[in-house]
Amino acid sequence: MPTLTFKATVAEERAIREAARSRNLNVSAYLRSMALPRNAALPKSRVVRSPRTGAFVISAAAGTPVLTSGKVRDLLASFP
């Protein structure tokens, strides 16, 4: 997944982080929600039963990128 960077003052950074936190979002999700059109169609995921374990799991929508442990590690690297 590409990464965007931009410059902000210390006060702007605090305001962005607080706005994200108040909405229970991480900064990336908050900025995407502010920057992208609200009516963008999202791919549909669904709850299915795992044939291996019998547990209910979320089946990713077609075309959804694969989530790897490396991507999770990268996402969590900036988590407070």
PDB file of N, CA and C in Angstrom:
ATOM      1  N   MET A   1       0.852  -1.169   0.000  1.00  0.00           N
ATOM      2  CA  MET A   1       0.000   0.000   0.000  1.00  0.00           C
ATOM      3  C   MET A   1       0.897   1.231   0.000  1.00  0.00           C
ATOM      4  N   PRO A   2       0.671   2.170  -0.896  1.00  0.00           N
ATOM      5  CA  PRO A   2       1.487   3.388  -0.928  1.00  0.00           C
ATOM      6  C   PRO A   2       1.322   4.200   0.347  1.00  0.00           C
ATOM      7  N   THR A   3       2.339   4.971   0.657  1.00  0.00           N
ATOM      8  CA  THR A   3       2.320   5.837   1.831  1.00  0.00           C
ATOM      9  C   THR A   3       2.375   7.284   1.378  1.00  0.00           C
ATOM     10  N   LEU A   4       1.532   8.121   1.957  1.00  0.00           N
ATOM     11  CA  LEU A   4       1.548   9.558   1.696  1.00  0.00           C
ATOM     12  C   LEU A   4       2.155  10.250   2.907  1.00  0.00           C
ATOM     13  N   THR A   5       2.960  11.261   2.660  1.00  0.00           N
ATOM     14  CA  THR A   5       3.486  12.068   3.758  1.00  0.00           C
ATOM     15  C   THR A   5       3.214  13.529   3.439  1.00  0.00           C
ATOM     16  N   PHE A   6       3.093  14.335   4.485  1.00  0.00           N
ATOM     17  CA  PHE A   6       2.909  15.763   4.298  1.00  0.00           C
ATOM     18  C   PHE A   6       3.409  16.481   5.534  1.00  0.00           C
ATOM     19  N   LYS A   7       3.632  17.757   5.397  1.00  0.00           N
ATOM     20  CA  LYS A   7       4.144  18.556   6.504  1.00  0.00           C
ATOM     21  C   LYS A   7       2.982  19.206   7.241  1.00  0.00           C
ATOM     22  N   ALA A   8       3.124  19.275   8.559  1.00  0.00           N
ATOM     23  CA  ALA A   8       2.117  19.910   9.406  1.00  0.00           C
ATOM     24  C   ALA A   8       2.834  20.533  10.594  1.00  0.00           C
ATOM     25  N   THR A   9       2.245  21.565  11.145  1.00  0.00           N
ATOM     26  CA  THR A   9       2.815  22.149  12.359  1.00  0.00           C
ATOM     27  C   THR A   9       2.528  21.221  13.528  1.00  0.00           C
ATOM     28  N   VAL A  10       3.184  21.456  14.634  1.00  0.00           N
ATOM     29  CA  VAL A  10       2.943  20.650  15.837  1.00  0.00           C
ATOM     30  C   VAL A  10       1.482  20.775  16.258  1.00  0.00           C
ATOM     31  N   ALA A  11       0.944  21.968  16.181  1.00  0.00           N
ATOM     32  CA  ALA A  11      -0.462  22.182  16.565  1.00  0.00           C
ATOM     33  C   ALA A  11      -1.401  21.438  15.619  1.00  0.00           C
ATOM     34  N   GLU A  12      -1.103  21.455  14.322  1.00  0.00           N
ATOM     35  CA  GLU A  12      -1.931  20.732  13.359  1.00  0.00           C
ATOM     36  C   GLU A  12      -1.865  19.226  13.613  1.00  0.00           C
ATOM     37  N   GLU A  13      -0.670  18.736  13.896  1.00  0.00           N
ATOM     38  CA  GLU A  13      -0.526  17.308  14.185  1.00  0.00           C
ATOM     39  C   GLU A  13      -1.369  16.919  15.396  1.00  0.00           C
ATOM     40  N   ARG A  14      -1.296  17.707  16.448  1.00  0.00           N
ATOM     41  CA  ARG A  14      -2.094  17.418  17.645  1.00  0.00           C
ATOM     42  C   ARG A  14      -3.581  17.427  17.332  1.00  0.00           C
ATOM     43  N   ALA A  15      -4.015  18.413  16.551  1.00  0.00           N
ATOM     44  CA  ALA A  15      -5.435  18.526  16.211  1.00  0.00           C
ATOM     45  C   ALA A  15      -5.896  17.328  15.380  1.00  0.00           C
ATOM     46  N   ILE A  16      -5.065  16.910  14.419  1.00  0.00           N
ATOM     47  CA  ILE A  16      -5.422  15.759  13.578  1.00  0.00           C
ATOM     48  C   ILE A  16      -5.498  14.495  14.423  1.00  0.00           C
ATOM     49  N   ARG A  17      -4.491  14.276  15.264  1.00  0.00           N
ATOM     50  CA  ARG A  17      -4.493  13.074  16.113  1.00  0.00           C
ATOM     51  C   ARG A  17      -5.680  13.068  17.071  1.00  0.00           C
ATOM     52  N   GLU A  18      -6.003  14.221  17.647  1.00  0.00           N
ATOM     53  CA  GLU A  18      -7.143  14.300  18.572  1.00  0.00           C
ATOM     54  C   GLU A  18      -8.456  14.064  17.831  1.00  0.00           C
ATOM     55  N   ALA A  19      -8.592  14.628  16.635  1.00  0.00           N
ATOM     56  CA  ALA A  19      -9.820  14.412  15.850  1.00  0.00           C
ATOM     57  C   ALA A  19      -9.979  12.930  15.508  1.00  0.00           C
ATOM     58  N   ALA A  20      -8.887  12.285  15.129  1.00  0.00           N
ATOM     59  CA  ALA A  20      -8.944  10.854  14.818  1.00  0.00           C
ATOM     60  C   ALA A  20      -9.313  10.058  16.063  1.00  0.00           C
ATOM     61  N   ARG A  21      -8.656  10.366  17.172  1.00  0.00           N
ATOM     62  CA  ARG A  21      -8.908   9.645  18.425  1.00  0.00           C
ATOM     63  C   ARG A  21     -10.359   9.818  18.873  1.00  0.00           C
ATOM     64  N   SER A  22     -10.895  11.013  18.723  1.00  0.00           N
ATOM     65  CA  SER A  22     -12.274  11.264  19.167  1.00  0.00           C
ATOM     66  C   SER A  22     -13.296  10.484  18.343  1.00  0.00           C
ATOM     67  N   ARG A  23     -12.901  10.067  17.145  1.00  0.00           N
ATOM     68  CA  ARG A  23     -13.789   9.272  16.277  1.00  0.00           C
ATOM     69  C   ARG A  23     -13.429   7.786  16.313  1.00  0.00           C
ATOM     70  N   ASN A  24     -12.527   7.421  17.221  1.00  0.00           N
ATOM     71  CA  ASN A  24     -12.064   6.034  17.352  1.00  0.00           C
ATOM     72  C   ASN A  24     -11.467   5.513  16.043  1.00  0.00           C
ATOM     73  N   LEU A  25     -10.701   6.369  15.363  1.00  0.00           N
ATOM     74  CA  LEU A  25     -10.030   6.002  14.121  1.00  0.00           C
ATOM     75  C   LEU A  25      -8.532   6.206  14.278  1.00  0.00           C
ATOM     76  N   ASN A  26      -7.747   5.476  13.495  1.00  0.00           N
ATOM     77  CA  ASN A  26      -6.332   5.827  13.443  1.00  0.00           C
ATOM     78  C   ASN A  26      -6.197   7.017  12.494  1.00  0.00           C
ATOM     79  N   VAL A  27      -5.033   7.638  12.489  1.00  0.00           N
ATOM     80  CA  VAL A  27      -4.843   8.852  11.689  1.00  0.00           C
ATOM     81  C   VAL A  27      -5.089   8.581  10.207  1.00  0.00           C
ATOM     82  N   SER A  28      -4.600   7.452   9.699  1.00  0.00           N
ATOM     83  CA  SER A  28      -4.791   7.142   8.277  1.00  0.00           C
ATOM     84  C   SER A  28      -6.268   7.032   7.918  1.00  0.00           C
ATOM     85  N   ALA A  29      -7.027   6.298   8.723  1.00  0.00           N
ATOM     86  CA  ALA A  29      -8.461   6.141   8.453  1.00  0.00           C
ATOM     87  C   ALA A  29      -9.183   7.480   8.564  1.00  0.00           C
ATOM     88  N   TYR A  30      -8.803   8.279   9.547  1.00  0.00           N
ATOM     89  CA  TYR A  30      -9.433   9.593   9.703  1.00  0.00           C
ATOM     90  C   TYR A  30      -9.172  10.475   8.481  1.00  0.00           C
ATOM     91  N   LEU A  31      -7.911  10.555   8.040  1.00  0.00           N
ATOM     92  CA  LEU A  31      -7.590  11.408   6.892  1.00  0.00           C
ATOM     93  C   LEU A  31      -8.265  10.911   5.619  1.00  0.00           C
ATOM     94  N   ARG A  32      -8.325   9.579   5.432  1.00  0.00           N
ATOM     95  CA  ARG A  32      -9.051   9.059   4.262  1.00  0.00           C
ATOM     96  C   ARG A  32     -10.524   9.440   4.336  1.00  0.00           C
ATOM     97  N   SER A  33     -11.125   9.341   5.525  1.00  0.00           N
ATOM     98  CA  SER A  33     -12.550   9.663   5.651  1.00  0.00           C
ATOM     99  C   SER A  33     -12.819  11.134   5.370  1.00  0.00           C
ATOM    100  N   MET A  34     -11.827  11.980   5.639  1.00  0.00           N
ATOM    101  CA  MET A  34     -11.997  13.411   5.386  1.00  0.00           C
ATOM    102  C   MET A  34     -11.714  13.773   3.925  1.00  0.00           C
ATOM    103  N   ALA A  35     -10.820  13.025   3.282  1.00  0.00           N
ATOM    104  CA  ALA A  35     -10.365  13.406   1.948  1.00  0.00           C
ATOM    105  C   ALA A  35     -11.138  12.761   0.806  1.00  0.00           C
ATOM    106  N   LEU A  36     -11.691  11.578   1.038  1.00  0.00           N
ATOM    107  CA  LEU A  36     -12.338  10.842  -0.048  1.00  0.00           C
ATOM    108  C   LEU A  36     -13.846  11.074  -0.056  1.00  0.00           C
ATOM    109  N   PRO A  37     -14.466  10.956  -1.224  1.00  0.00           N
ATOM    110  CA  PRO A  37     -15.920  11.139  -1.299  1.00  0.00           C
ATOM    111  C   PRO A  37     -16.643  10.129  -0.403  1.00  0.00           C
ATOM    112  N   ARG A  38     -17.666  10.586   0.253  1.00  0.00           N
ATOM    113  CA  ARG A  38     -18.412   9.729   1.183  1.00  0.00           C
ATOM    114  C   ARG A  38     -19.271   8.693   0.467  1.00  0.00           C
ATOM    115  N   ASN A  39     -19.613   8.927  -0.783  1.00  0.00           N
ATOM    116  CA  ASN A  39     -20.489   7.989  -1.476  1.00  0.00           C
ATOM    117  C   ASN A  39     -19.718   6.958  -2.294  1.00  0.00           C
ATOM    118  N   ALA A  40     -18.410   6.856  -2.073  1.00  0.00           N
ATOM    119  CA  ALA A  40     -17.627   5.865  -2.803  1.00  0.00           C
ATOM    120  C   ALA A  40     -18.101   4.465  -2.412  1.00  0.00           C
ATOM    121  N   ALA A  41     -18.366   3.650  -3.402  1.00  0.00           N
ATOM    122  CA  ALA A  41     -18.853   2.291  -3.145  1.00  0.00           C
ATOM    123  C   ALA A  41     -17.724   1.441  -2.579  1.00  0.00           C
ATOM    124  N   LEU A  42     -17.984   0.796  -1.479  1.00  0.00           N
ATOM    125  CA  LEU A  42     -17.010  -0.086  -0.857  1.00  0.00           C
ATOM    126  C   LEU A  42     -17.309  -1.529  -1.235  1.00  0.00           C
ATOM    127  N   PRO A  43     -16.270  -2.326  -1.434  1.00  0.00           N
ATOM    128  CA  PRO A  43     -16.522  -3.733  -1.714  1.00  0.00           C
ATOM    129  C   PRO A  43     -17.207  -4.387  -0.517  1.00  0.00           C
ATOM    130  N   LYS A  44     -18.059  -5.347  -0.777  1.00  0.00           N
ATOM    131  CA  LYS A  44     -18.817  -6.012   0.282  1.00  0.00           C
ATOM    132  C   LYS A  44     -18.071  -7.230   0.791  1.00  0.00           C
ATOM    133  N   SER A  45     -17.935  -7.305   2.102  1.00  0.00           N
ATOM    134  CA  SER A  45     -17.409  -8.516   2.719  1.00  0.00           C
ATOM    135  C   SER A  45     -18.597  -9.223   3.355  1.00  0.00           C
ATOM    136  N   ARG A  46     -18.393 -10.465   3.765  1.00  0.00           N
ATOM    137  CA  ARG A  46     -19.506 -11.191   4.371  1.00  0.00           C
ATOM    138  C   ARG A  46     -18.987 -12.143   5.437  1.00  0.00           C
ATOM    139  N   VAL A  47     -19.863 -12.507   6.348  1.00  0.00           N
ATOM    140  CA  VAL A  47     -19.532 -13.444   7.411  1.00  0.00           C
ATOM    141  C   VAL A  47     -19.842 -14.848   6.916  1.00  0.00           C
ATOM    142  N   VAL A  48     -18.850 -15.732   7.015  1.00  0.00           N
ATOM    143  CA  VAL A  48     -19.007 -17.126   6.585  1.00  0.00           C
ATOM    144  C   VAL A  48     -18.454 -18.045   7.673  1.00  0.00           C
ATOM    145  N   ARG A  49     -18.786 -19.309   7.586  1.00  0.00           N
ATOM    146  CA  ARG A  49     -18.250 -20.295   8.529  1.00  0.00           C
ATOM    147  C   ARG A  49     -16.998 -20.925   7.915  1.00  0.00           C
ATOM    148  N   SER A  50     -15.913 -20.921   8.675  1.00  0.00           N
ATOM    149  CA  SER A  50     -14.659 -21.510   8.207  1.00  0.00           C
ATOM    150  C   SER A  50     -14.809 -23.016   8.059  1.00  0.00           C
ATOM    151  N   PRO A  51     -14.477 -23.556   6.892  1.00  0.00           N
ATOM    152  CA  PRO A  51     -14.561 -25.008   6.729  1.00  0.00           C
ATOM    153  C   PRO A  51     -13.508 -25.742   7.563  1.00  0.00           C
ATOM    154  N   ARG A  52     -12.454 -25.047   7.924  1.00  0.00           N
ATOM    155  CA  ARG A  52     -11.369 -25.669   8.682  1.00  0.00           C
ATOM    156  C   ARG A  52     -11.679 -25.738  10.178  1.00  0.00           C
ATOM    157  N   THR A  53     -12.201 -24.608  10.748  1.00  0.00           N
ATOM    158  CA  THR A  53     -12.409 -24.551  12.198  1.00  0.00           C
ATOM    159  C   THR A  53     -13.874 -24.544  12.611  1.00  0.00           C
ATOM    160  N   GLY A  54     -14.765 -24.210  11.679  1.00  0.00           N
ATOM    161  CA  GLY A  54     -16.175 -24.086  12.021  1.00  0.00           C
ATOM    162  C   GLY A  54     -16.523 -22.740  12.635  1.00  0.00           C
ATOM    163  N   ALA A  55     -15.520 -21.890  12.851  1.00  0.00           N
ATOM    164  CA  ALA A  55     -15.756 -20.563  13.436  1.00  0.00           C
ATOM    165  C   ALA A  55     -16.284 -19.619  12.362  1.00  0.00           C
ATOM    166  N   PHE A  56     -17.004 -18.594  12.789  1.00  0.00           N
ATOM    167  CA  PHE A  56     -17.455 -17.569  11.862  1.00  0.00           C
ATOM    168  C   PHE A  56     -16.291 -16.617  11.602  1.00  0.00           C
ATOM    169  N   VAL A  57     -16.044 -16.316  10.332  1.00  0.00           N
ATOM    170  CA  VAL A  57     -14.963 -15.426   9.925  1.00  0.00           C
ATOM    171  C   VAL A  57     -15.502 -14.452   8.886  1.00  0.00           C
ATOM    172  N   ILE A  58     -14.778 -13.384   8.651  1.00  0.00           N
ATOM    173  CA  ILE A  58     -15.160 -12.413   7.632  1.00  0.00           C
ATOM    174  C   ILE A  58     -14.449 -12.780   6.343  1.00  0.00           C
ATOM    175  N   SER A  59     -15.221 -12.999   5.302  1.00  0.00           N
ATOM    176  CA  SER A  59     -14.676 -13.303   3.984  1.00  0.00           C
ATOM    177  C   SER A  59     -14.441 -11.981   3.257  1.00  0.00           C
ATOM    178  N   ALA A  60     -13.222 -11.768   2.813  1.00  0.00           N
ATOM    179  CA  ALA A  60     -12.877 -10.515   2.141  1.00  0.00           C
ATOM    180  C   ALA A  60     -13.605 -10.400   0.807  1.00  0.00           C
ATOM    181  N   ALA A  61     -13.914  -9.184   0.432  1.00  0.00           N
ATOM    182  CA  ALA A  61     -14.564  -8.917  -0.847  1.00  0.00           C
ATOM    183  C   ALA A  61     -13.595  -9.197  -1.985  1.00  0.00           C
ATOM    184  N   ALA A  62     -14.132  -9.504  -3.145  1.00  0.00           N
ATOM    185  CA  ALA A  62     -13.304  -9.745  -4.327  1.00  0.00           C
ATOM    186  C   ALA A  62     -12.452  -8.519  -4.616  1.00  0.00           C
ATOM    187  N   GLY A  63     -11.194  -8.749  -4.915  1.00  0.00           N
ATOM    188  CA  GLY A  63     -10.295  -7.647  -5.247  1.00  0.00           C
ATOM    189  C   GLY A  63      -9.662  -6.985  -4.041  1.00  0.00           C
ATOM    190  N   THR A  64      -9.991  -7.434  -2.838  1.00  0.00           N
ATOM    191  CA  THR A  64      -9.406  -6.859  -1.633  1.00  0.00           C
ATOM    192  C   THR A  64      -7.948  -7.304  -1.532  1.00  0.00           C
ATOM    193  N   PRO A  65      -7.021  -6.373  -1.227  1.00  0.00           N
ATOM    194  CA  PRO A  65      -5.615  -6.775  -1.120  1.00  0.00           C
ATOM    195  C   PRO A  65      -5.408  -7.771   0.018  1.00  0.00           C
ATOM    196  N   VAL A  66      -4.440  -8.637  -0.140  1.00  0.00           N
ATOM    197  CA  VAL A  66      -4.119  -9.633   0.883  1.00  0.00           C
ATOM    198  C   VAL A  66      -3.471  -8.933   2.073  1.00  0.00           C
ATOM    199  N   LEU A  67      -3.919  -9.270   3.270  1.00  0.00           N
ATOM    200  CA  LEU A  67      -3.335  -8.718   4.492  1.00  0.00           C
ATOM    201  C   LEU A  67      -2.298  -9.712   5.003  1.00  0.00           C
ATOM    202  N   THR A  68      -1.054  -9.276   4.999  1.00  0.00           N
ATOM    203  CA  THR A  68       0.030 -10.151   5.448  1.00  0.00           C
ATOM    204  C   THR A  68       0.509  -9.715   6.822  1.00  0.00           C
ATOM    205  N   SER A  69       1.256 -10.575   7.487  1.00  0.00           N
ATOM    206  CA  SER A  69       1.803 -10.206   8.792  1.00  0.00           C
ATOM    207  C   SER A  69       2.764  -9.032   8.644  1.00  0.00           C
ATOM    208  N   GLY A  70       3.451  -8.928   7.517  1.00  0.00           N
ATOM    209  CA  GLY A  70       4.331  -7.779   7.277  1.00  0.00           C
ATOM    210  C   GLY A  70       3.560  -6.475   7.213  1.00  0.00           C
ATOM    211  N   LYS A  71       2.395  -6.492   6.539  1.00  0.00           N
ATOM    212  CA  LYS A  71       1.568  -5.289   6.463  1.00  0.00           C
ATOM    213  C   LYS A  71       1.031  -4.911   7.839  1.00  0.00           C
ATOM    214  N   VAL A  72       0.633  -5.908   8.621  1.00  0.00           N
ATOM    215  CA  VAL A  72       0.154  -5.637   9.982  1.00  0.00           C
ATOM    216  C   VAL A  72       1.281  -5.021  10.804  1.00  0.00           C
ATOM    217  N   ARG A  73       2.470  -5.571  10.698  1.00  0.00           N
ATOM    218  CA  ARG A  73       3.624  -5.040  11.425  1.00  0.00           C
ATOM    219  C   ARG A  73       3.867  -3.586  11.030  1.00  0.00           C
ATOM    220  N   ASP A  74       3.792  -3.276   9.733  1.00  0.00           N
ATOM    221  CA  ASP A  74       3.984  -1.886   9.266  1.00  0.00           C
ATOM    222  C   ASP A  74       2.909  -0.965   9.804  1.00  0.00           C
ATOM    223  N   LEU A  75       1.658  -1.440   9.797  1.00  0.00           N
ATOM    224  CA  LEU A  75       0.555  -0.614  10.312  1.00  0.00           C
ATOM    225  C   LEU A  75       0.717  -0.335  11.804  1.00  0.00           C
ATOM    226  N   LEU A  76       1.173  -1.329  12.551  1.00  0.00           N
ATOM    227  CA  LEU A  76       1.301  -1.172  13.991  1.00  0.00           C
ATOM    228  C   LEU A  76       2.563  -0.431  14.402  1.00  0.00           C
ATOM    229  N   ALA A  77       3.497  -0.234  13.478  1.00  0.00           N
ATOM    230  CA  ALA A  77       4.754   0.433  13.805  1.00  0.00           C
ATOM    231  C   ALA A  77       4.520   1.866  14.286  1.00  0.00           C
ATOM    232  N   SER A  78       3.490   2.525  13.765  1.00  0.00           N
ATOM    233  CA  SER A  78       3.226   3.912  14.172  1.00  0.00           C
ATOM    234  C   SER A  78       2.104   4.015  15.181  1.00  0.00           C
ATOM    235  N   PHE A  79       1.635   2.867  15.660  1.00  0.00           N
ATOM    236  CA  PHE A  79       0.542   2.882  16.643  1.00  0.00           C
ATOM    237  C   PHE A  79       1.089   3.330  17.993  1.00  0.00           C
ATOM    238  N   PRO A  80       0.372   4.243  18.641  1.00  0.00           N
ATOM    239  CA  PRO A  80       0.921   4.778  19.908  1.00  0.00           C
ATOM    240  C   PRO A  80       1.044   3.783  20.994  1.00  0.00           C
TER     241      PRO A  80
END
